[in-house]
PDB file of N, CA and C in Angstrom:
ATOM      1  N   UNK A   1      27.151  61.794  26.037  1.00  0.00           N
ATOM      2  CA  UNK A   1      27.059  61.550  27.453  1.00  0.00           C
ATOM      3  C   UNK A   1      28.439  61.210  27.999  1.00  0.00           C
ATOM      4  N   UNK A   2      28.780  61.741  29.137  1.00  0.00           N
ATOM      5  CA  UNK A   2      30.094  61.455  29.711  1.00  0.00           C
ATOM      6  C   UNK A   2      30.097  60.081  30.372  1.00  0.00           C
ATOM      7  N   UNK A   3      31.277  59.585  30.625  1.00  0.00           N
ATOM      8  CA  UNK A   3      31.413  58.303  31.302  1.00  0.00           C
ATOM      9  C   UNK A   3      30.979  58.399  32.754  1.00  0.00           C
ATOM     10  N   UNK A   4      30.884  59.604  33.296  1.00  0.00           N
ATOM     11  CA  UNK A   4      30.495  59.786  34.681  1.00  0.00           C
ATOM     12  C   UNK A   4      28.980  59.799  34.868  1.00  0.00           C
ATOM     13  N   UNK A   5      28.211  59.660  33.801  1.00  0.00           N
ATOM     14  CA  UNK A   5      26.758  59.715  33.886  1.00  0.00           C
ATOM     15  C   UNK A   5      26.242  58.623  34.817  1.00  0.00           C
ATOM     16  N   UNK A   6      25.376  59.006  35.706  1.00  0.00           N
ATOM     17  CA  UNK A   6      24.780  58.077  36.670  1.00  0.00           C
ATOM     18  C   UNK A   6      23.556  57.433  36.034  1.00  0.00           C
ATOM     19  N   UNK A   7      23.475  56.149  36.103  1.00  0.00           N
ATOM     20  CA  UNK A   7      22.324  55.413  35.593  1.00  0.00           C
ATOM     21  C   UNK A   7      21.309  55.268  36.730  1.00  0.00           C
ATOM     22  N   UNK A   8      20.351  56.182  36.773  1.00  0.00           N
ATOM     23  CA  UNK A   8      19.379  56.182  37.866  1.00  0.00           C
ATOM     24  C   UNK A   8      18.610  54.875  37.961  1.00  0.00           C
ATOM     25  N   UNK A   9      18.197  54.338  36.845  1.00  0.00           N
ATOM     26  CA  UNK A   9      17.432  53.094  36.873  1.00  0.00           C
ATOM     27  C   UNK A   9      18.232  51.980  37.538  1.00  0.00           C
ATOM     28  N   UNK A  10      19.511  51.923  37.258  1.00  0.00           N
ATOM     29  CA  UNK A  10      20.369  50.898  37.858  1.00  0.00           C
ATOM     30  C   UNK A  10      20.509  51.096  39.365  1.00  0.00           C
ATOM     31  N   UNK A  11      20.656  52.324  39.773  1.00  0.00           N
ATOM     32  CA  UNK A  11      20.763  52.620  41.210  1.00  0.00           C
ATOM     33  C   UNK A  11      19.478  52.223  41.926  1.00  0.00           C
ATOM     34  N   UNK A  12      18.344  52.625  41.377  1.00  0.00           N
ATOM     35  CA  UNK A  12      17.065  52.291  42.007  1.00  0.00           C
ATOM     36  C   UNK A  12      16.803  50.797  41.966  1.00  0.00           C
ATOM     37  N   UNK A  13      17.265  50.124  40.936  1.00  0.00           N
ATOM     38  CA  UNK A  13      17.111  48.672  40.868  1.00  0.00           C
ATOM     39  C   UNK A  13      17.919  48.002  41.986  1.00  0.00           C
ATOM     40  N   UNK A  14      19.119  48.485  42.237  1.00  0.00           N
ATOM     41  CA  UNK A  14      19.937  47.938  43.325  1.00  0.00           C
ATOM     42  C   UNK A  14      19.286  48.180  44.679  1.00  0.00           C
ATOM     43  N   UNK A  15      18.737  49.361  44.870  1.00  0.00           N
ATOM     44  CA  UNK A  15      18.040  49.661  46.130  1.00  0.00           C
ATOM     45  C   UNK A  15      16.825  48.740  46.279  1.00  0.00           C
ATOM     46  N   UNK A  16      16.101  48.551  45.197  1.00  0.00           N
ATOM     47  CA  UNK A  16      14.937  47.662  45.235  1.00  0.00           C
ATOM     48  C   UNK A  16      15.346  46.257  45.640  1.00  0.00           C
ATOM     49  N   UNK A  17      16.442  45.768  45.081  1.00  0.00           N
ATOM     50  CA  UNK A  17      16.917  44.427  45.438  1.00  0.00           C
ATOM     51  C   UNK A  17      17.269  44.337  46.924  1.00  0.00           C
ATOM     52  N   UNK A  18      17.886  45.383  47.448  1.00  0.00           N
ATOM     53  CA  UNK A  18      18.220  45.397  48.876  1.00  0.00           C
ATOM     54  C   UNK A  18      16.952  45.422  49.720  1.00  0.00           C
ATOM     55  N   UNK A  19      15.961  46.171  49.282  1.00  0.00           N
ATOM     56  CA  UNK A  19      14.694  46.212  50.016  1.00  0.00           C
ATOM     57  C   UNK A  19      13.996  44.859  49.991  1.00  0.00           C
ATOM     58  N   UNK A  20      14.024  44.181  48.846  1.00  0.00           N
ATOM     59  CA  UNK A  20      13.424  42.853  48.746  1.00  0.00           C
ATOM     60  C   UNK A  20      14.106  41.902  49.727  1.00  0.00           C
ATOM     61  N   UNK A  21      15.420  41.969  49.807  1.00  0.00           N
ATOM     62  CA  UNK A  21      16.165  41.088  50.717  1.00  0.00           C
ATOM     63  C   UNK A  21      15.832  41.372  52.178  1.00  0.00           C
ATOM     64  N   UNK A  22      15.443  42.598  52.483  1.00  0.00           N
ATOM     65  CA  UNK A  22      15.152  42.988  53.864  1.00  0.00           C
ATOM     66  C   UNK A  22      13.671  43.248  54.109  1.00  0.00           C
ATOM     67  N   UNK A  23      12.847  42.846  53.188  1.00  0.00           N
ATOM     68  CA  UNK A  23      11.415  43.149  53.245  1.00  0.00           C
ATOM     69  C   UNK A  23      10.760  42.646  54.531  1.00  0.00           C
ATOM     70  N   UNK A  24      11.012  41.419  54.893  1.00  0.00           N
ATOM     71  CA  UNK A  24      10.381  40.860  56.094  1.00  0.00           C
ATOM     72  C   UNK A  24      10.855  41.558  57.362  1.00  0.00           C
ATOM     73  N   UNK A  25      12.126  41.895  57.411  1.00  0.00           N
ATOM     74  CA  UNK A  25      12.654  42.620  58.573  1.00  0.00           C
ATOM     75  C   UNK A  25      12.010  43.989  58.683  1.00  0.00           C
ATOM     76  N   UNK A  26      11.857  44.665  57.561  1.00  0.00           N
ATOM     77  CA  UNK A  26      11.186  45.970  57.562  1.00  0.00           C
ATOM     78  C   UNK A  26       9.728  45.835  57.983  1.00  0.00           C
ATOM     79  N   UNK A  27       9.068  44.785  57.524  1.00  0.00           N
ATOM     80  CA  UNK A  27       7.690  44.551  57.950  1.00  0.00           C
ATOM     81  C   UNK A  27       7.609  44.326  59.452  1.00  0.00           C
ATOM     82  N   UNK A  28       8.517  43.550  59.994  1.00  0.00           N
ATOM     83  CA  UNK A  28       8.514  43.263  61.426  1.00  0.00           C
ATOM     84  C   UNK A  28       8.802  44.507  62.261  1.00  0.00           C
ATOM     85  N   UNK A  29       9.608  45.406  61.724  1.00  0.00           N
ATOM     86  CA  UNK A  29       9.937  46.633  62.450  1.00  0.00           C
ATOM     87  C   UNK A  29       8.761  47.609  62.479  1.00  0.00           C
ATOM     88  N   UNK A  30       7.815  47.417  61.599  1.00  0.00           N
ATOM     89  CA  UNK A  30       6.624  48.263  61.518  1.00  0.00           C
ATOM     90  C   UNK A  30       5.605  47.755  62.536  1.00  0.00           C
ATOM     91  N   UNK A  31       5.588  48.361  63.696  1.00  0.00           N
ATOM     92  CA  UNK A  31       4.726  47.898  64.784  1.00  0.00           C
ATOM     93  C   UNK A  31       3.248  48.207  64.538  1.00  0.00           C
ATOM     94  N   UNK A  32       2.959  49.138  63.632  1.00  0.00           N
ATOM     95  CA  UNK A  32       1.577  49.547  63.425  1.00  0.00           C
ATOM     96  C   UNK A  32       0.791  48.558  62.562  1.00  0.00           C
ATOM     97  N   UNK A  33       1.254  48.299  61.349  1.00  0.00           N
ATOM     98  CA  UNK A  33       0.514  47.387  60.469  1.00  0.00           C
ATOM     99  C   UNK A  33       1.395  46.379  59.723  1.00  0.00           C
ATOM    100  N   UNK A  34       2.660  46.323  60.049  1.00  0.00           N
ATOM    101  CA  UNK A  34       3.597  45.310  59.536  1.00  0.00           C
ATOM    102  C   UNK A  34       3.646  45.210  58.010  1.00  0.00           C
ATOM    103  N   UNK A  35       3.536  46.358  57.320  1.00  0.00           N
ATOM    104  CA  UNK A  35       3.615  46.285  55.865  1.00  0.00           C
ATOM    105  C   UNK A  35       4.561  47.328  55.256  1.00  0.00           C
ATOM    106  N   UNK A  36       5.394  47.913  56.063  1.00  0.00           N
ATOM    107  CA  UNK A  36       6.293  48.947  55.554  1.00  0.00           C
ATOM    108  C   UNK A  36       7.259  48.380  54.509  1.00  0.00           C
ATOM    109  N   UNK A  37       7.781  47.194  54.742  1.00  0.00           N
ATOM    110  CA  UNK A  37       8.678  46.560  53.770  1.00  0.00           C
ATOM    111  C   UNK A  37       7.977  46.303  52.449  1.00  0.00           C
ATOM    112  N   UNK A  38       6.748  45.789  52.518  1.00  0.00           N
ATOM    113  CA  UNK A  38       5.969  45.545  51.304  1.00  0.00           C
ATOM    114  C   UNK A  38       5.762  46.842  50.529  1.00  0.00           C
ATOM    115  N   UNK A  39       5.398  47.898  51.256  1.00  0.00           N
ATOM    116  CA  UNK A  39       5.135  49.189  50.612  1.00  0.00           C
ATOM    117  C   UNK A  39       6.389  49.784  49.987  1.00  0.00           C
ATOM    118  N   UNK A  40       7.506  49.679  50.678  1.00  0.00           N
ATOM    119  CA  UNK A  40       8.746  50.233  50.142  1.00  0.00           C
ATOM    120  C   UNK A  40       9.199  49.479  48.898  1.00  0.00           C
ATOM    121  N   UNK A  41       9.060  48.160  48.914  1.00  0.00           N
ATOM    122  CA  UNK A  41       9.421  47.367  47.733  1.00  0.00           C
ATOM    123  C   UNK A  41       8.553  47.793  46.552  1.00  0.00           C
ATOM    124  N   UNK A  42       7.247  47.902  46.762  1.00  0.00           N
ATOM    125  CA  UNK A  42       6.353  48.299  45.676  1.00  0.00           C
ATOM    126  C   UNK A  42       6.677  49.705  45.186  1.00  0.00           C
ATOM    127  N   UNK A  43       6.972  50.620  46.099  1.00  0.00           N
ATOM    128  CA  UNK A  43       7.320  51.995  45.730  1.00  0.00           C
ATOM    129  C   UNK A  43       8.558  52.021  44.853  1.00  0.00           C
ATOM    130  N   UNK A  44       9.604  51.335  45.272  1.00  0.00           N
ATOM    131  CA  UNK A  44      10.857  51.355  44.513  1.00  0.00           C
ATOM    132  C   UNK A  44      10.743  50.573  43.206  1.00  0.00           C
ATOM    133  N   UNK A  45       9.901  49.553  43.157  1.00  0.00           N
ATOM    134  CA  UNK A  45       9.671  48.857  41.876  1.00  0.00           C
ATOM    135  C   UNK A  45       9.001  49.809  40.888  1.00  0.00           C
ATOM    136  N   UNK A  46       8.030  50.568  41.361  1.00  0.00           N
ATOM    137  CA  UNK A  46       7.342  51.523  40.489  1.00  0.00           C
ATOM    138  C   UNK A  46       8.314  52.571  39.972  1.00  0.00           C
ATOM    139  N   UNK A  47       9.143  53.098  40.865  1.00  0.00           N
ATOM    140  CA  UNK A  47      10.129  54.109  40.463  1.00  0.00           C
ATOM    141  C   UNK A  47      11.122  53.523  39.464  1.00  0.00           C
ATOM    142  N   UNK A  48      11.617  52.343  39.743  1.00  0.00           N
ATOM    143  CA  UNK A  48      12.600  51.697  38.856  1.00  0.00           C
ATOM    144  C   UNK A  48      12.016  51.482  37.467  1.00  0.00           C
ATOM    145  N   UNK A  49      10.804  50.971  37.404  1.00  0.00           N
ATOM    146  CA  UNK A  49      10.147  50.739  36.118  1.00  0.00           C
ATOM    147  C   UNK A  49       9.984  52.050  35.350  1.00  0.00           C
ATOM    148  N   UNK A  50       9.553  53.087  36.047  1.00  0.00           N
ATOM    149  CA  UNK A  50       9.373  54.389  35.404  1.00  0.00           C
ATOM    150  C   UNK A  50      10.698  54.923  34.861  1.00  0.00           C
ATOM    151  N   UNK A  51      11.760  54.786  35.644  1.00  0.00           N
ATOM    152  CA  UNK A  51      13.069  55.262  35.199  1.00  0.00           C
ATOM    153  C   UNK A  51      13.570  54.465  34.002  1.00  0.00           C
ATOM    154  N   UNK A  52      13.291  53.171  33.993  1.00  0.00           N
ATOM    155  CA  UNK A  52      13.687  52.345  32.848  1.00  0.00           C
ATOM    156  C   UNK A  52      12.933  52.769  31.591  1.00  0.00           C
ATOM    157  N   UNK A  53      11.675  53.160  31.760  1.00  0.00           N
ATOM    158  CA  UNK A  53      10.881  53.623  30.620  1.00  0.00           C
ATOM    159  C   UNK A  53      11.434  54.919  30.037  1.00  0.00           C
ATOM    160  N   UNK A  54      12.122  55.707  30.858  1.00  0.00           N
ATOM    161  CA  UNK A  54      12.608  57.020  30.423  1.00  0.00           C
ATOM    162  C   UNK A  54      14.125  57.065  30.270  1.00  0.00           C
ATOM    163  N   UNK A  55      14.773  55.895  30.154  1.00  0.00           N
ATOM    164  CA  UNK A  55      16.220  55.897  29.953  1.00  0.00           C
ATOM    165  C   UNK A  55      16.564  56.694  28.709  1.00  0.00           C
ATOM    166  N   UNK A  56      17.627  57.467  28.803  1.00  0.00           N
ATOM    167  CA  UNK A  56      18.053  58.305  27.701  1.00  0.00           C
ATOM    168  C   UNK A  56      17.512  59.718  27.794  1.00  0.00           C
ATOM    169  N   UNK A  57      16.529  59.916  28.656  1.00  0.00           N
ATOM    170  CA  UNK A  57      15.977  61.253  28.882  1.00  0.00           C
ATOM    171  C   UNK A  57      16.784  61.913  29.995  1.00  0.00           C
ATOM    172  N   UNK A  58      16.710  63.231  30.136  1.00  0.00           N
ATOM    173  CA  UNK A  58      17.394  63.891  31.256  1.00  0.00           C
ATOM    174  C   UNK A  58      16.904  63.321  32.596  1.00  0.00           C
ATOM    175  N   UNK A  59      17.816  63.231  33.556  1.00  0.00           N
ATOM    176  CA  UNK A  59      17.471  62.669  34.861  1.00  0.00           C
ATOM    177  C   UNK A  59      16.282  63.390  35.484  1.00  0.00           C
ATOM    178  N   UNK A  60      16.241  64.699  35.360  1.00  0.00           N
ATOM    179  CA  UNK A  60      15.140  65.458  35.960  1.00  0.00           C
ATOM    180  C   UNK A  60      13.802  65.057  35.344  1.00  0.00           C
ATOM    181  N   UNK A  61      13.768  64.840  34.047  1.00  0.00           N
ATOM    182  CA  UNK A  61      12.534  64.428  33.380  1.00  0.00           C
ATOM    183  C   UNK A  61      12.136  63.012  33.796  1.00  0.00           C
ATOM    184  N   UNK A  62      13.113  62.135  33.903  1.00  0.00           N
ATOM    185  CA  UNK A  62      12.840  60.755  34.303  1.00  0.00           C
ATOM    186  C   UNK A  62      12.325  60.697  35.734  1.00  0.00           C
ATOM    187  N   UNK A  63      12.936  61.462  36.633  1.00  0.00           N
ATOM    188  CA  UNK A  63      12.482  61.476  38.027  1.00  0.00           C
ATOM    189  C   UNK A  63      11.110  62.109  38.157  1.00  0.00           C
ATOM    190  N   UNK A  64      10.849  63.135  37.380  1.00  0.00           N
ATOM    191  CA  UNK A  64       9.534  63.772  37.390  1.00  0.00           C
ATOM    192  C   UNK A  64       8.467  62.780  36.927  1.00  0.00           C
ATOM    193  N   UNK A  65       8.769  62.056  35.871  1.00  0.00           N
ATOM    194  CA  UNK A  65       7.857  61.032  35.370  1.00  0.00           C
ATOM    195  C   UNK A  65       7.620  59.962  36.437  1.00  0.00           C
ATOM    196  N   UNK A  66       8.684  59.516  37.095  1.00  0.00           N
ATOM    197  CA  UNK A  66       8.557  58.498  38.142  1.00  0.00           C
ATOM    198  C   UNK A  66       7.676  59.004  39.282  1.00  0.00           C
ATOM    199  N   UNK A  67       7.842  60.262  39.661  1.00  0.00           N
ATOM    200  CA  UNK A  67       7.033  60.835  40.740  1.00  0.00           C
ATOM    201  C   UNK A  67       5.559  60.869  40.354  1.00  0.00           C
ATOM    202  N   UNK A  68       5.273  61.260  39.120  1.00  0.00           N
ATOM    203  CA  UNK A  68       3.879  61.301  38.667  1.00  0.00           C
ATOM    204  C   UNK A  68       3.275  59.894  38.610  1.00  0.00           C
ATOM    205  N   UNK A  69       4.048  58.953  38.116  1.00  0.00           N
ATOM    206  CA  UNK A  69       3.564  57.570  38.028  1.00  0.00           C
ATOM    207  C   UNK A  69       3.289  57.009  39.416  1.00  0.00           C
ATOM    208  N   UNK A  70       4.190  57.281  40.343  1.00  0.00           N
ATOM    209  CA  UNK A  70       4.011  56.800  41.709  1.00  0.00           C
ATOM    210  C   UNK A  70       2.783  57.435  42.347  1.00  0.00           C
ATOM    211  N   UNK A  71       2.606  58.728  42.147  1.00  0.00           N
ATOM    212  CA  UNK A  71       1.454  59.436  42.726  1.00  0.00           C
ATOM    213  C   UNK A  71       0.137  58.853  42.201  1.00  0.00           C
ATOM    214  N   UNK A  72       0.122  58.419  40.943  1.00  0.00           N
ATOM    215  CA  UNK A  72      -1.096  57.861  40.350  1.00  0.00           C
ATOM    216  C   UNK A  72      -1.384  56.441  40.806  1.00  0.00           C
ATOM    217  N   UNK A  73      -0.344  55.696  41.160  1.00  0.00           N
ATOM    218  CA  UNK A  73      -0.540  54.258  41.384  1.00  0.00           C
ATOM    219  C   UNK A  73      -0.451  53.809  42.834  1.00  0.00           C
ATOM    220  N   UNK A  74       0.156  54.589  43.697  1.00  0.00           N
ATOM    221  CA  UNK A  74       0.377  54.107  45.062  1.00  0.00           C
ATOM    222  C   UNK A  74      -0.878  54.221  45.917  1.00  0.00           C
ATOM    223  N   UNK A  75      -0.979  53.292  46.832  1.00  0.00           N
ATOM    224  CA  UNK A  75      -2.053  53.348  47.815  1.00  0.00           C
ATOM    225  C   UNK A  75      -1.497  53.478  49.238  1.00  0.00           C
ATOM    226  N   UNK A  76      -0.179  53.396  49.364  1.00  0.00           N
ATOM    227  CA  UNK A  76       0.430  53.453  50.692  1.00  0.00           C
ATOM    228  C   UNK A  76       0.828  54.873  51.065  1.00  0.00           C
ATOM    229  N   UNK A  77       0.873  55.144  52.343  1.00  0.00           N
ATOM    230  CA  UNK A  77       1.330  56.450  52.825  1.00  0.00           C
ATOM    231  C   UNK A  77       2.799  56.635  52.492  1.00  0.00           C
ATOM    232  N   UNK A  78       3.591  55.571  52.556  1.00  0.00           N
ATOM    233  CA  UNK A  78       5.025  55.662  52.217  1.00  0.00           C
ATOM    234  C   UNK A  78       5.201  56.122  50.780  1.00  0.00           C
ATOM    235  N   UNK A  79       4.439  55.546  49.885  1.00  0.00           N
ATOM    236  CA  UNK A  79       4.526  55.900  48.476  1.00  0.00           C
ATOM    237  C   UNK A  79       4.080  57.321  48.213  1.00  0.00           C
ATOM    238  N   UNK A  80       3.070  57.770  48.950  1.00  0.00           N
ATOM    239  CA  UNK A  80       2.576  59.130  48.772  1.00  0.00           C
ATOM    240  C   UNK A  80       3.625  60.158  49.191  1.00  0.00           C
ATOM    241  N   UNK A  81       4.397  59.809  50.201  1.00  0.00           N
ATOM    242  CA  UNK A  81       5.469  60.708  50.633  1.00  0.00           C
ATOM    243  C   UNK A  81       6.568  60.773  49.597  1.00  0.00           C
TER     244      UNK A  81
END
């Protein structure tokens, strides 16, 4: 593996942390049901966990696995997208 290899799990973990920090603001911005921040945090946690489970595999395989896992577990419209 080259030194330029991107660690997807690490990137998604950082995004998840940023979403957690802004979760309430995202919820407040959601005028319909005030849960967009909650849904996004859960979506990115699921993706991050899936990517961590597939570390060392090709990025395409890890992302495909994350997409399948998310499709099976999400109940939110955000996650389904």
